[in-house]
Structures are given as C-alpha cells and as structure tokens.
Amino acid sequence: IAGTAYLISGDILSKLYSATGSVPYFIFEDVYITGLCREHIGAVALENKGFSCGYRDRSPCGQNFRYRITGHHYTPAEIKRLWRELQDRWSICQRGDNYLIFKLFDLFQYLFL
C-alpha cells in the first residue's frame, strides 16, 4: 500500500494502535501501520485505483485527476496547477499534457540533471 495516503476504517483504529505495542517498529510508517500492524490484527487491505503509488503515472493536468485520490512525484507548481484546474469543472487537458511527453521529460531529468 502506498504511503502517499491511505484510508483506515474507524472500527480497526484502536486495534491498530494496540498492535503498535507488540509489533516491532519499522522505519516506514506506511509499511508499519498498513502492513505489519494490519497483518497482526488480521485486517484486510483493499486496492483502490484512485490511489497512485507509481512515479508520475499521469501528466499534471486537472482532468487527469478528477477521479483520483493521490498522485506521486509532482512539483509544487504542478500541484498548484492541478488544484486550479480541478476547481474548474470545464477544464480540459491541453495538447502538451500528453503522458508520453511527461515521461520523456522525467527521463531527461534523470539522465542529465
């Protein structure tokens, strides 16, 4: 389960908290809480496609996030743009918002910067 965000139902919160007293600590809180402690209490993890744990799996266009819950590795400027565009129900992605263009840009940054 990705640590960008996760949902936990209220009926297991106290059980998860109690599990922290007997499950050895692990440095990554998402692995610790939603993995180790969750398994300790026997709770089930469910997948939701609205949560993104991949590296920039969408271009930073508001329309791409209209029905998403999280996204990973976007710059502060891109997040501000997403927020502005999400406020406008008629906002659409521009021609330059092609996913492939952003993946190539990410690769260029990784290789040369």
PDB file of N, CA and C in Angstrom:
ATOM      1  N   ILE A   1       0.860  -1.179   0.000  1.00  0.00           N
ATOM      2  CA  ILE A   1       0.000   0.000   0.000  1.00  0.00           C
ATOM      3  C   ILE A   1       0.894   1.226   0.000  1.00  0.00           C
ATOM      4  N   ALA A   2       0.648   2.140  -0.881  1.00  0.00           N
ATOM      5  CA  ALA A   2       1.470   3.343  -0.994  1.00  0.00           C
ATOM      6  C   ALA A   2       1.250   4.264   0.198  1.00  0.00           C
ATOM      7  N   GLY A   3       2.301   4.934   0.598  1.00  0.00           N
ATOM      8  CA  GLY A   3       2.225   5.804   1.758  1.00  0.00           C
ATOM      9  C   GLY A   3       1.792   7.218   1.458  1.00  0.00           C
ATOM     10  N   THR A   4       1.462   7.532   0.191  1.00  0.00           N
ATOM     11  CA  THR A   4       1.023   8.897  -0.092  1.00  0.00           C
ATOM     12  C   THR A   4      -0.233   9.225   0.689  1.00  0.00           C
ATOM     13  N   ALA A   5      -1.086   8.261   0.818  1.00  0.00           N
ATOM     14  CA  ALA A   5      -2.315   8.396   1.603  1.00  0.00           C
ATOM     15  C   ALA A   5      -2.923   7.016   1.727  1.00  0.00           C
ATOM     16  N   TYR A   6      -3.637   6.803   2.780  1.00  0.00           N
ATOM     17  CA  TYR A   6      -4.382   5.564   2.920  1.00  0.00           C
ATOM     18  C   TYR A   6      -5.592   5.804   3.793  1.00  0.00           C
ATOM     19  N   LEU A   7      -6.621   5.003   3.559  1.00  0.00           N
ATOM     20  CA  LEU A   7      -7.851   5.086   4.334  1.00  0.00           C
ATOM     21  C   LEU A   7      -7.897   3.923   5.303  1.00  0.00           C
ATOM     22  N   ILE A   8      -8.304   4.211   6.513  1.00  0.00           N
ATOM     23  CA  ILE A   8      -8.433   3.172   7.524  1.00  0.00           C
ATOM     24  C   ILE A   8      -9.823   3.308   8.136  1.00  0.00           C
ATOM     25  N   SER A   9     -10.572   2.215   8.143  1.00  0.00           N
ATOM     26  CA  SER A   9     -11.921   2.294   8.706  1.00  0.00           C
ATOM     27  C   SER A   9     -11.845   2.461  10.222  1.00  0.00           C
ATOM     28  N   GLY A  10     -12.776   3.192  10.751  1.00  0.00           N
ATOM     29  CA  GLY A  10     -12.783   3.528  12.167  1.00  0.00           C
ATOM     30  C   GLY A  10     -12.846   2.339  13.105  1.00  0.00           C
ATOM     31  N   ASP A  11     -13.427   1.234  12.638  1.00  0.00           N
ATOM     32  CA  ASP A  11     -13.583   0.083  13.534  1.00  0.00           C
ATOM     33  C   ASP A  11     -12.274  -0.640  13.835  1.00  0.00           C
ATOM     34  N   ILE A  12     -11.198  -0.343  13.096  1.00  0.00           N
ATOM     35  CA  ILE A  12      -9.917  -1.008  13.389  1.00  0.00           C
ATOM     36  C   ILE A  12      -8.849  -0.060  13.926  1.00  0.00           C
ATOM     37  N   LEU A  13      -9.168   1.217  14.066  1.00  0.00           N
ATOM     38  CA  LEU A  13      -8.169   2.173  14.548  1.00  0.00           C
ATOM     39  C   LEU A  13      -7.593   1.799  15.907  1.00  0.00           C
ATOM     40  N   SER A  14      -8.449   1.478  16.857  1.00  0.00           N
ATOM     41  CA  SER A  14      -7.948   1.144  18.200  1.00  0.00           C
ATOM     42  C   SER A  14      -7.164  -0.163  18.172  1.00  0.00           C
ATOM     43  N   LYS A  15      -7.560  -1.106  17.307  1.00  0.00           N
ATOM     44  CA  LYS A  15      -6.819  -2.357  17.184  1.00  0.00           C
ATOM     45  C   LYS A  15      -5.422  -2.115  16.605  1.00  0.00           C
ATOM     46  N   LEU A  16      -5.341  -1.227  15.592  1.00  0.00           N
ATOM     47  CA  LEU A  16      -4.032  -0.883  15.021  1.00  0.00           C
ATOM     48  C   LEU A  16      -3.149  -0.228  16.074  1.00  0.00           C
ATOM     49  N   TYR A  17      -3.734   0.683  16.833  1.00  0.00           N
ATOM     50  CA  TYR A  17      -2.966   1.350  17.887  1.00  0.00           C
ATOM     51  C   TYR A  17      -2.458   0.330  18.911  1.00  0.00           C
ATOM     52  N   SER A  18      -3.302  -0.578  19.305  1.00  0.00           N
ATOM     53  CA  SER A  18      -2.894  -1.611  20.262  1.00  0.00           C
ATOM     54  C   SER A  18      -1.779  -2.487  19.694  1.00  0.00           C
ATOM     55  N   ALA A  19      -1.838  -2.763  18.396  1.00  0.00           N
ATOM     56  CA  ALA A  19      -0.818  -3.601  17.759  1.00  0.00           C
ATOM     57  C   ALA A  19       0.556  -2.953  17.823  1.00  0.00           C
ATOM     58  N   THR A  20       0.612  -1.635  17.881  1.00  0.00           N
ATOM     59  CA  THR A  20       1.921  -0.963  17.937  1.00  0.00           C
ATOM     60  C   THR A  20       2.671  -1.308  19.218  1.00  0.00           C
ATOM     61  N   GLY A  21       1.976  -1.774  20.230  1.00  0.00           N
ATOM     62  CA  GLY A  21       2.626  -2.176  21.467  1.00  0.00           C
ATOM     63  C   GLY A  21       3.324  -3.526  21.382  1.00  0.00           C
ATOM     64  N   SER A  22       2.944  -4.332  20.392  1.00  0.00           N
ATOM     65  CA  SER A  22       3.554  -5.665  20.298  1.00  0.00           C
ATOM     66  C   SER A  22       4.275  -5.927  18.978  1.00  0.00           C
ATOM     67  N   VAL A  23       4.011  -5.132  17.954  1.00  0.00           N
ATOM     68  CA  VAL A  23       4.695  -5.303  16.668  1.00  0.00           C
ATOM     69  C   VAL A  23       5.964  -4.452  16.677  1.00  0.00           C
ATOM     70  N   PRO A  24       7.124  -5.057  16.403  1.00  0.00           N
ATOM     71  CA  PRO A  24       8.381  -4.289  16.391  1.00  0.00           C
ATOM     72  C   PRO A  24       8.309  -3.133  15.395  1.00  0.00           C
ATOM     73  N   TYR A  25       8.841  -1.990  15.801  1.00  0.00           N
ATOM     74  CA  TYR A  25       8.806  -0.781  14.983  1.00  0.00           C
ATOM     75  C   TYR A  25       9.566  -0.981  13.671  1.00  0.00           C
ATOM     76  N   PHE A  26       9.046  -0.387  12.599  1.00  0.00           N
ATOM     77  CA  PHE A  26       9.696  -0.379  11.294  1.00  0.00           C
ATOM     78  C   PHE A  26       9.754   1.061  10.826  1.00  0.00           C
ATOM     79  N   ILE A  27      10.845   1.461  10.189  1.00  0.00           N
ATOM     80  CA  ILE A  27      11.120   2.868   9.878  1.00  0.00           C
ATOM     81  C   ILE A  27      10.076   3.528   8.968  1.00  0.00           C
ATOM     82  N   PHE A  28       9.486   2.785   8.051  1.00  0.00           N
ATOM     83  CA  PHE A  28       8.498   3.368   7.134  1.00  0.00           C
ATOM     84  C   PHE A  28       7.104   3.175   7.716  1.00  0.00           C
ATOM     85  N   GLU A  29       6.468   4.304   8.070  1.00  0.00           N
ATOM     86  CA  GLU A  29       5.200   4.214   8.787  1.00  0.00           C
ATOM     87  C   GLU A  29       4.108   3.544   7.976  1.00  0.00           C
ATOM     88  N   ASP A  30       4.113   3.707   6.655  1.00  0.00           N
ATOM     89  CA  ASP A  30       3.063   3.070   5.868  1.00  0.00           C
ATOM     90  C   ASP A  30       3.214   1.549   5.881  1.00  0.00           C
ATOM     91  N   VAL A  31       4.434   1.068   5.777  1.00  0.00           N
ATOM     92  CA  VAL A  31       4.679  -0.376   5.853  1.00  0.00           C
ATOM     93  C   VAL A  31       4.324  -0.878   7.250  1.00  0.00           C
ATOM     94  N   TYR A  32       4.692  -0.091   8.251  1.00  0.00           N
ATOM     95  CA  TYR A  32       4.440  -0.486   9.636  1.00  0.00           C
ATOM     96  C   TYR A  32       2.944  -0.574   9.945  1.00  0.00           C
ATOM     97  N   ILE A  33       2.219   0.514   9.653  1.00  0.00           N
ATOM     98  CA  ILE A  33       0.792   0.568  10.015  1.00  0.00           C
ATOM     99  C   ILE A  33      -0.071  -0.285   9.084  1.00  0.00           C
ATOM    100  N   THR A  34       0.046  -0.035   7.761  1.00  0.00           N
ATOM    101  CA  THR A  34      -0.860  -0.716   6.828  1.00  0.00           C
ATOM    102  C   THR A  34      -0.359  -2.100   6.419  1.00  0.00           C
ATOM    103  N   GLY A  35       0.835  -2.444   6.841  1.00  0.00           N
ATOM    104  CA  GLY A  35       1.372  -3.766   6.539  1.00  0.00           C
ATOM    105  C   GLY A  35       1.499  -4.619   7.780  1.00  0.00           C
ATOM    106  N   LEU A  36       2.528  -4.366   8.581  1.00  0.00           N
ATOM    107  CA  LEU A  36       2.839  -5.212   9.733  1.00  0.00           C
ATOM    108  C   LEU A  36       1.734  -5.212  10.794  1.00  0.00           C
ATOM    109  N   CYS A  37       1.319  -4.028  11.210  1.00  0.00           N
ATOM    110  CA  CYS A  37       0.269  -3.959  12.244  1.00  0.00           C
ATOM    111  C   CYS A  37      -1.067  -4.467  11.710  1.00  0.00           C
ATOM    112  N   ARG A  38      -1.375  -4.138  10.459  1.00  0.00           N
ATOM    113  CA  ARG A  38      -2.625  -4.622   9.858  1.00  0.00           C
ATOM    114  C   ARG A  38      -2.656  -6.147   9.820  1.00  0.00           C
ATOM    115  N   GLU A  39      -1.547  -6.753   9.391  1.00  0.00           N
ATOM    116  CA  GLU A  39      -1.500  -8.220   9.371  1.00  0.00           C
ATOM    117  C   GLU A  39      -1.612  -8.803  10.776  1.00  0.00           C
ATOM    118  N   HIS A  40      -1.010  -8.124  11.743  1.00  0.00           N
ATOM    119  CA  HIS A  40      -1.047  -8.596  13.131  1.00  0.00           C
ATOM    120  C   HIS A  40      -2.483  -8.696  13.653  1.00  0.00           C
ATOM    121  N   ILE A  41      -3.329  -7.759  13.267  1.00  0.00           N
ATOM    122  CA  ILE A  41      -4.715  -7.780  13.752  1.00  0.00           C
ATOM    123  C   ILE A  41      -5.647  -8.533  12.802  1.00  0.00           C
ATOM    124  N   GLY A  42      -5.127  -8.996  11.670  1.00  0.00           N
ATOM    125  CA  GLY A  42      -5.931  -9.773  10.732  1.00  0.00           C
ATOM    126  C   GLY A  42      -6.864  -8.956   9.855  1.00  0.00           C
ATOM    127  N   ALA A  43      -6.585  -7.666   9.702  1.00  0.00           N
ATOM    128  CA  ALA A  43      -7.419  -6.820   8.844  1.00  0.00           C
ATOM    129  C   ALA A  43      -7.034  -7.033   7.379  1.00  0.00           C
ATOM    130  N   VAL A  44      -7.957  -6.776   6.494  1.00  0.00           N
ATOM    131  CA  VAL A  44      -7.753  -6.974   5.059  1.00  0.00           C
ATOM    132  C   VAL A  44      -7.461  -5.634   4.393  1.00  0.00           C
ATOM    133  N   ALA A  45      -6.481  -5.618   3.493  1.00  0.00           N
ATOM    134  CA  ALA A  45      -6.182  -4.422   2.698  1.00  0.00           C
ATOM    135  C   ALA A  45      -6.888  -4.544   1.356  1.00  0.00           C
ATOM    136  N   LEU A  46      -7.536  -3.490   0.938  1.00  0.00           N
ATOM    137  CA  LEU A  46      -8.228  -3.470  -0.343  1.00  0.00           C
ATOM    138  C   LEU A  46      -7.570  -2.447  -1.259  1.00  0.00           C
ATOM    139  N   GLU A  47      -7.557  -2.740  -2.540  1.00  0.00           N
ATOM    140  CA  GLU A  47      -6.974  -1.833  -3.525  1.00  0.00           C
ATOM    141  C   GLU A  47      -8.031  -0.862  -4.025  1.00  0.00           C
ATOM    142  N   ASN A  48      -7.606   0.371  -4.308  1.00  0.00           N
ATOM    143  CA  ASN A  48      -8.466   1.360  -4.916  1.00  0.00           C
ATOM    144  C   ASN A  48      -7.644   2.055  -5.992  1.00  0.00           C
ATOM    145  N   LYS A  49      -8.092   2.021  -7.228  1.00  0.00           N
ATOM    146  CA  LYS A  49      -7.336   2.587  -8.351  1.00  0.00           C
ATOM    147  C   LYS A  49      -7.183   4.108  -8.254  1.00  0.00           C
ATOM    148  N   GLY A  50      -7.931   4.744  -7.363  1.00  0.00           N
ATOM    149  CA  GLY A  50      -7.792   6.182  -7.182  1.00  0.00           C
ATOM    150  C   GLY A  50      -6.526   6.577  -6.456  1.00  0.00           C
ATOM    151  N   PHE A  51      -5.881   5.620  -5.804  1.00  0.00           N
ATOM    152  CA  PHE A  51      -4.619   5.871  -5.121  1.00  0.00           C
ATOM    153  C   PHE A  51      -3.484   5.502  -6.059  1.00  0.00           C
ATOM    154  N   SER A  52      -2.574   6.429  -6.282  1.00  0.00           N
ATOM    155  CA  SER A  52      -1.454   6.172  -7.173  1.00  0.00           C
ATOM    156  C   SER A  52      -0.173   6.037  -6.368  1.00  0.00           C
ATOM    157  N   CYS A  53       0.535   4.949  -6.576  1.00  0.00           N
ATOM    158  CA  CYS A  53       1.829   4.797  -5.918  1.00  0.00           C
ATOM    159  C   CYS A  53       2.959   4.767  -6.938  1.00  0.00           C
ATOM    160  N   GLY A  54       2.610   4.890  -8.202  1.00  0.00           N
ATOM    161  CA  GLY A  54       3.620   4.892  -9.259  1.00  0.00           C
ATOM    162  C   GLY A  54       4.268   6.250  -9.413  1.00  0.00           C
ATOM    163  N   TYR A  55       5.330   6.291 -10.163  1.00  0.00           N
ATOM    164  CA  TYR A  55       6.031   7.544 -10.394  1.00  0.00           C
ATOM    165  C   TYR A  55       5.374   8.286 -11.540  1.00  0.00           C
ATOM    166  N   ARG A  56       4.681   9.355 -11.248  1.00  0.00           N
ATOM    167  CA  ARG A  56       4.051  10.219 -12.249  1.00  0.00           C
ATOM    168  C   ARG A  56       3.306   9.412 -13.307  1.00  0.00           C
ATOM    169  N   ASP A  57       2.292   8.721 -12.890  1.00  0.00           N
ATOM    170  CA  ASP A  57       1.557   7.895 -13.835  1.00  0.00           C
ATOM    171  C   ASP A  57       0.491   8.656 -14.614  1.00  0.00           C
ATOM    172  N   ARG A  58       0.434   9.953 -14.430  1.00  0.00           N
ATOM    173  CA  ARG A  58      -0.458  10.838 -15.182  1.00  0.00           C
ATOM    174  C   ARG A  58       0.275  12.163 -15.409  1.00  0.00           C
ATOM    175  N   SER A  59      -0.055  12.846 -16.502  1.00  0.00           N
ATOM    176  CA  SER A  59       0.504  14.187 -16.683  1.00  0.00           C
ATOM    177  C   SER A  59      -0.201  15.131 -15.714  1.00  0.00           C
ATOM    178  N   PRO A  60       0.438  16.246 -15.341  1.00  0.00           N
ATOM    179  CA  PRO A  60      -0.143  17.150 -14.333  1.00  0.00           C
ATOM    180  C   PRO A  60      -1.251  18.034 -14.898  1.00  0.00           C
ATOM    181  N   CYS A  61      -2.322  17.410 -15.280  1.00  0.00           N
ATOM    182  CA  CYS A  61      -3.490  18.108 -15.811  1.00  0.00           C
ATOM    183  C   CYS A  61      -4.665  17.795 -14.898  1.00  0.00           C
ATOM    184  N   GLY A  62      -5.413  18.806 -14.528  1.00  0.00           N
ATOM    185  CA  GLY A  62      -6.531  18.616 -13.610  1.00  0.00           C
ATOM    186  C   GLY A  62      -7.509  17.547 -14.054  1.00  0.00           C
ATOM    187  N   GLN A  63      -7.791  17.484 -15.331  1.00  0.00           N
ATOM    188  CA  GLN A  63      -8.734  16.485 -15.846  1.00  0.00           C
ATOM    189  C   GLN A  63      -8.256  15.064 -15.542  1.00  0.00           C
ATOM    190  N   ASN A  64      -6.942  14.846 -15.560  1.00  0.00           N
ATOM    191  CA  ASN A  64      -6.406  13.515 -15.272  1.00  0.00           C
ATOM    192  C   ASN A  64      -6.609  13.109 -13.816  1.00  0.00           C
ATOM    193  N   PHE A  65      -6.872  14.082 -12.945  1.00  0.00           N
ATOM    194  CA  PHE A  65      -7.011  13.791 -11.520  1.00  0.00           C
ATOM    195  C   PHE A  65      -8.432  13.998 -11.000  1.00  0.00           C
ATOM    196  N   ARG A  66      -9.362  14.203 -11.893  1.00  0.00           N
ATOM    197  CA  ARG A  66     -10.736  14.480 -11.473  1.00  0.00           C
ATOM    198  C   ARG A  66     -11.293  13.353 -10.597  1.00  0.00           C
ATOM    199  N   TYR A  67     -10.926  12.122 -10.862  1.00  0.00           N
ATOM    200  CA  TYR A  67     -11.446  10.992 -10.082  1.00  0.00           C
ATOM    201  C   TYR A  67     -10.324  10.217  -9.393  1.00  0.00           C
ATOM    202  N   ARG A  68      -9.220  10.880  -9.143  1.00  0.00           N
ATOM    203  CA  ARG A  68      -8.091  10.270  -8.447  1.00  0.00           C
ATOM    204  C   ARG A  68      -8.079  10.771  -7.001  1.00  0.00           C
ATOM    205  N   ILE A  69      -7.418  10.030  -6.139  1.00  0.00           N
ATOM    206  CA  ILE A  69      -7.305  10.428  -4.743  1.00  0.00           C
ATOM    207  C   ILE A  69      -5.909  10.947  -4.461  1.00  0.00           C
ATOM    208  N   THR A  70      -4.882  10.281  -5.004  1.00  0.00           N
ATOM    209  CA  THR A  70      -3.499  10.695  -4.780  1.00  0.00           C
ATOM    210  C   THR A  70      -2.684  10.581  -6.059  1.00  0.00           C
ATOM    211  N   GLY A  71      -1.524  11.198  -6.026  1.00  0.00           N
ATOM    212  CA  GLY A  71      -0.538  11.089  -7.092  1.00  0.00           C
ATOM    213  C   GLY A  71       0.837  11.282  -6.475  1.00  0.00           C
ATOM    214  N   HIS A  72       1.844  10.764  -7.124  1.00  0.00           N
ATOM    215  CA  HIS A  72       3.207  10.801  -6.591  1.00  0.00           C
ATOM    216  C   HIS A  72       4.125  11.654  -7.457  1.00  0.00           C
ATOM    217  N   HIS A  73       5.063  12.330  -6.839  1.00  0.00           N
ATOM    218  CA  HIS A  73       6.200  12.978  -7.505  1.00  0.00           C
ATOM    219  C   HIS A  73       5.814  14.118  -8.448  1.00  0.00           C
ATOM    220  N   TYR A  74       4.951  14.986  -8.010  1.00  0.00           N
ATOM    221  CA  TYR A  74       4.622  16.185  -8.766  1.00  0.00           C
ATOM    222  C   TYR A  74       5.238  17.378  -8.051  1.00  0.00           C
ATOM    223  N   THR A  75       5.673  18.358  -8.825  1.00  0.00           N
ATOM    224  CA  THR A  75       6.313  19.538  -8.250  1.00  0.00           C
ATOM    225  C   THR A  75       5.254  20.430  -7.596  1.00  0.00           C
ATOM    226  N   PRO A  76       5.683  21.336  -6.709  1.00  0.00           N
ATOM    227  CA  PRO A  76       4.712  22.267  -6.114  1.00  0.00           C
ATOM    228  C   PRO A  76       3.947  23.072  -7.168  1.00  0.00           C
ATOM    229  N   ALA A  77       4.634  23.487  -8.229  1.00  0.00           N
ATOM    230  CA  ALA A  77       3.959  24.248  -9.287  1.00  0.00           C
ATOM    231  C   ALA A  77       2.911  23.377  -9.993  1.00  0.00           C
ATOM    232  N   GLU A  78       3.232  22.110 -10.222  1.00  0.00           N
ATOM    233  CA  GLU A  78       2.273  21.206 -10.868  1.00  0.00           C
ATOM    234  C   GLU A  78       1.074  20.945  -9.965  1.00  0.00           C
ATOM    235  N   ILE A  79       1.314  20.823  -8.680  1.00  0.00           N
ATOM    236  CA  ILE A  79       0.214  20.601  -7.736  1.00  0.00           C
ATOM    237  C   ILE A  79      -0.710  21.816  -7.695  1.00  0.00           C
ATOM    238  N   LYS A  80      -0.137  23.018  -7.721  1.00  0.00           N
ATOM    239  CA  LYS A  80      -0.964  24.237  -7.760  1.00  0.00           C
ATOM    240  C   LYS A  80      -1.794  24.273  -9.037  1.00  0.00           C
ATOM    241  N   ARG A  81      -1.173  23.891 -10.151  1.00  0.00           N
ATOM    242  CA  ARG A  81      -1.908  23.848 -11.421  1.00  0.00           C
ATOM    243  C   ARG A  81      -3.054  22.840 -11.332  1.00  0.00           C
ATOM    244  N   LEU A  82      -2.761  21.649 -10.813  1.00  0.00           N
ATOM    245  CA  LEU A  82      -3.809  20.633 -10.662  1.00  0.00           C
ATOM    246  C   LEU A  82      -4.971  21.178  -9.840  1.00  0.00           C
ATOM    247  N   TRP A  83      -4.653  21.844  -8.737  1.00  0.00           N
ATOM    248  CA  TRP A  83      -5.702  22.383  -7.871  1.00  0.00           C
ATOM    249  C   TRP A  83      -6.545  23.421  -8.605  1.00  0.00           C
ATOM    250  N   ARG A  84      -5.887  24.347  -9.311  1.00  0.00           N
ATOM    251  CA  ARG A  84      -6.627  25.374 -10.070  1.00  0.00           C
ATOM    252  C   ARG A  84      -7.548  24.723 -11.092  1.00  0.00           C
ATOM    253  N   GLU A  85      -6.998  23.749 -11.824  1.00  0.00           N
ATOM    254  CA  GLU A  85      -7.794  23.124 -12.878  1.00  0.00           C
ATOM    255  C   GLU A  85      -8.917  22.256 -12.317  1.00  0.00           C
ATOM    256  N   LEU A  86      -8.719  21.674 -11.167  1.00  0.00           N
ATOM    257  CA  LEU A  86      -9.777  20.875 -10.559  1.00  0.00           C
ATOM    258  C   LEU A  86     -10.935  21.742 -10.069  1.00  0.00           C
ATOM    259  N   GLN A  87     -10.673  23.011  -9.813  1.00  0.00           N
ATOM    260  CA  GLN A  87     -11.733  23.926  -9.385  1.00  0.00           C
ATOM    261  C   GLN A  87     -12.651  24.311 -10.549  1.00  0.00           C
ATOM    262  N   ASP A  88     -12.166  24.118 -11.782  1.00  0.00           N
ATOM    263  CA  ASP A  88     -12.927  24.459 -12.983  1.00  0.00           C
ATOM    264  C   ASP A  88     -13.460  23.175 -13.618  1.00  0.00           C
ATOM    265  N   ARG A  89     -14.748  22.932 -13.486  1.00  0.00           N
ATOM    266  CA  ARG A  89     -15.309  21.671 -13.984  1.00  0.00           C
ATOM    267  C   ARG A  89     -15.188  21.526 -15.497  1.00  0.00           C
ATOM    268  N   TRP A  90     -14.973  22.624 -16.212  1.00  0.00           N
ATOM    269  CA  TRP A  90     -14.876  22.573 -17.672  1.00  0.00           C
ATOM    270  C   TRP A  90     -13.426  22.495 -18.160  1.00  0.00           C
ATOM    271  N   SER A  91     -12.485  22.447 -17.244  1.00  0.00           N
ATOM    272  CA  SER A  91     -11.072  22.392 -17.616  1.00  0.00           C
ATOM    273  C   SER A  91     -10.774  21.085 -18.367  1.00  0.00           C
ATOM    274  N   ILE A  92      -9.989  21.205 -19.430  1.00  0.00           N
ATOM    275  CA  ILE A  92      -9.566  20.021 -20.191  1.00  0.00           C
ATOM    276  C   ILE A  92      -8.043  20.052 -20.348  1.00  0.00           C
ATOM    277  N   CYS A  93      -7.469  18.898 -20.602  1.00  0.00           N
ATOM    278  CA  CYS A  93      -6.022  18.813 -20.796  1.00  0.00           C
ATOM    279  C   CYS A  93      -5.651  19.428 -22.142  1.00  0.00           C
ATOM    280  N   GLN A  94      -4.495  20.080 -22.165  1.00  0.00           N
ATOM    281  CA  GLN A  94      -4.004  20.690 -23.389  1.00  0.00           C
ATOM    282  C   GLN A  94      -3.224  19.664 -24.199  1.00  0.00           C
ATOM    283  N   ARG A  95      -2.915  20.002 -25.425  1.00  0.00           N
ATOM    284  CA  ARG A  95      -2.172  19.094 -26.299  1.00  0.00           C
ATOM    285  C   ARG A  95      -0.824  18.708 -25.701  1.00  0.00           C
ATOM    286  N   GLY A  96      -0.161  19.634 -25.019  1.00  0.00           N
ATOM    287  CA  GLY A  96       1.142  19.373 -24.419  1.00  0.00           C
ATOM    288  C   GLY A  96       1.091  18.525 -23.166  1.00  0.00           C
ATOM    289  N   ASP A  97      -0.112  18.170 -22.707  1.00  0.00           N
ATOM    290  CA  ASP A  97      -0.261  17.369 -21.494  1.00  0.00           C
ATOM    291  C   ASP A  97      -0.244  15.867 -21.777  1.00  0.00           C
ATOM    292  N   ASN A  98       0.346  15.498 -22.873  1.00  0.00           N
ATOM    293  CA  ASN A  98       0.441  14.092 -23.240  1.00  0.00           C
ATOM    294  C   ASN A  98       1.322  13.355 -22.241  1.00  0.00           C
ATOM    295  N   TYR A  99       0.862  12.207 -21.799  1.00  0.00           N
ATOM    296  CA  TYR A  99       1.594  11.402 -20.809  1.00  0.00           C
ATOM    297  C   TYR A  99       2.998  11.059 -21.293  1.00  0.00           C
ATOM    298  N   LEU A 100       3.154  10.706 -22.560  1.00  0.00           N
ATOM    299  CA  LEU A 100       4.454  10.332 -23.111  1.00  0.00           C
ATOM    300  C   LEU A 100       5.436  11.495 -23.022  1.00  0.00           C
ATOM    301  N   ILE A 101       4.971  12.708 -23.293  1.00  0.00           N
ATOM    302  CA  ILE A 101       5.841  13.886 -23.207  1.00  0.00           C
ATOM    303  C   ILE A 101       6.384  14.027 -21.789  1.00  0.00           C
ATOM    304  N   PHE A 102       5.543  13.840 -20.794  1.00  0.00           N
ATOM    305  CA  PHE A 102       5.992  13.972 -19.412  1.00  0.00           C
ATOM    306  C   PHE A 102       6.927  12.842 -19.003  1.00  0.00           C
ATOM    307  N   LYS A 103       6.710  11.640 -19.508  1.00  0.00           N
ATOM    308  CA  LYS A 103       7.627  10.536 -19.213  1.00  0.00           C
ATOM    309  C   LYS A 103       8.993  10.805 -19.837  1.00  0.00           C
ATOM    310  N   LEU A 104       9.038  11.337 -21.044  1.00  0.00           N
ATOM    311  CA  LEU A 104      10.312  11.672 -21.686  1.00  0.00           C
ATOM    312  C   LEU A 104      11.024  12.786 -20.919  1.00  0.00           C
ATOM    313  N   PHE A 105      10.266  13.771 -20.443  1.00  0.00           N
ATOM    314  CA  PHE A 105      10.834  14.852 -19.648  1.00  0.00           C
ATOM    315  C   PHE A 105      11.440  14.307 -18.356  1.00  0.00           C
ATOM    316  N   ASP A 106      10.738  13.396 -17.700  1.00  0.00           N
ATOM    317  CA  ASP A 106      11.251  12.773 -16.478  1.00  0.00           C
ATOM    318  C   ASP A 106      12.538  12.004 -16.756  1.00  0.00           C
ATOM    319  N   LEU A 107      12.571  11.284 -17.873  1.00  0.00           N
ATOM    320  CA  LEU A 107      13.763  10.524 -18.233  1.00  0.00           C
ATOM    321  C   LEU A 107      14.949  11.468 -18.497  1.00  0.00           C
ATOM    322  N   PHE A 108      14.682  12.562 -19.197  1.00  0.00           N
ATOM    323  CA  PHE A 108      15.729  13.564 -19.465  1.00  0.00           C
ATOM    324  C   PHE A 108      16.286  14.111 -18.140  1.00  0.00           C
ATOM    325  N   GLN A 109      15.411  14.464 -17.218  1.00  0.00           N
ATOM    326  CA  GLN A 109      15.856  14.981 -15.922  1.00  0.00           C
ATOM    327  C   GLN A 109      16.705  13.954 -15.190  1.00  0.00           C
ATOM    328  N   TYR A 110      16.273  12.711 -15.235  1.00  0.00           N
ATOM    329  CA  TYR A 110      17.006  11.645 -14.543  1.00  0.00           C
ATOM    330  C   TYR A 110      18.392  11.444 -15.140  1.00  0.00           C
ATOM    331  N   LEU A 111      18.492  11.501 -16.461  1.00  0.00           N
ATOM    332  CA  LEU A 111      19.755  11.223 -17.134  1.00  0.00           C
ATOM    333  C   LEU A 111      20.735  12.393 -17.098  1.00  0.00           C
ATOM    334  N   PHE A 112      20.220  13.613 -17.179  1.00  0.00           N
ATOM    335  CA  PHE A 112      21.106  14.751 -17.400  1.00  0.00           C
ATOM    336  C   PHE A 112      21.134  15.793 -16.280  1.00  0.00           C
ATOM    337  N   LEU A 113      20.240  15.726 -15.353  1.00  0.00           N
ATOM    338  CA  LEU A 113      20.233  16.759 -14.293  1.00  0.00           C
ATOM    339  C   LEU A 113      20.590  16.196 -12.952  1.00  0.00           C
TER     340      LEU A 113
END
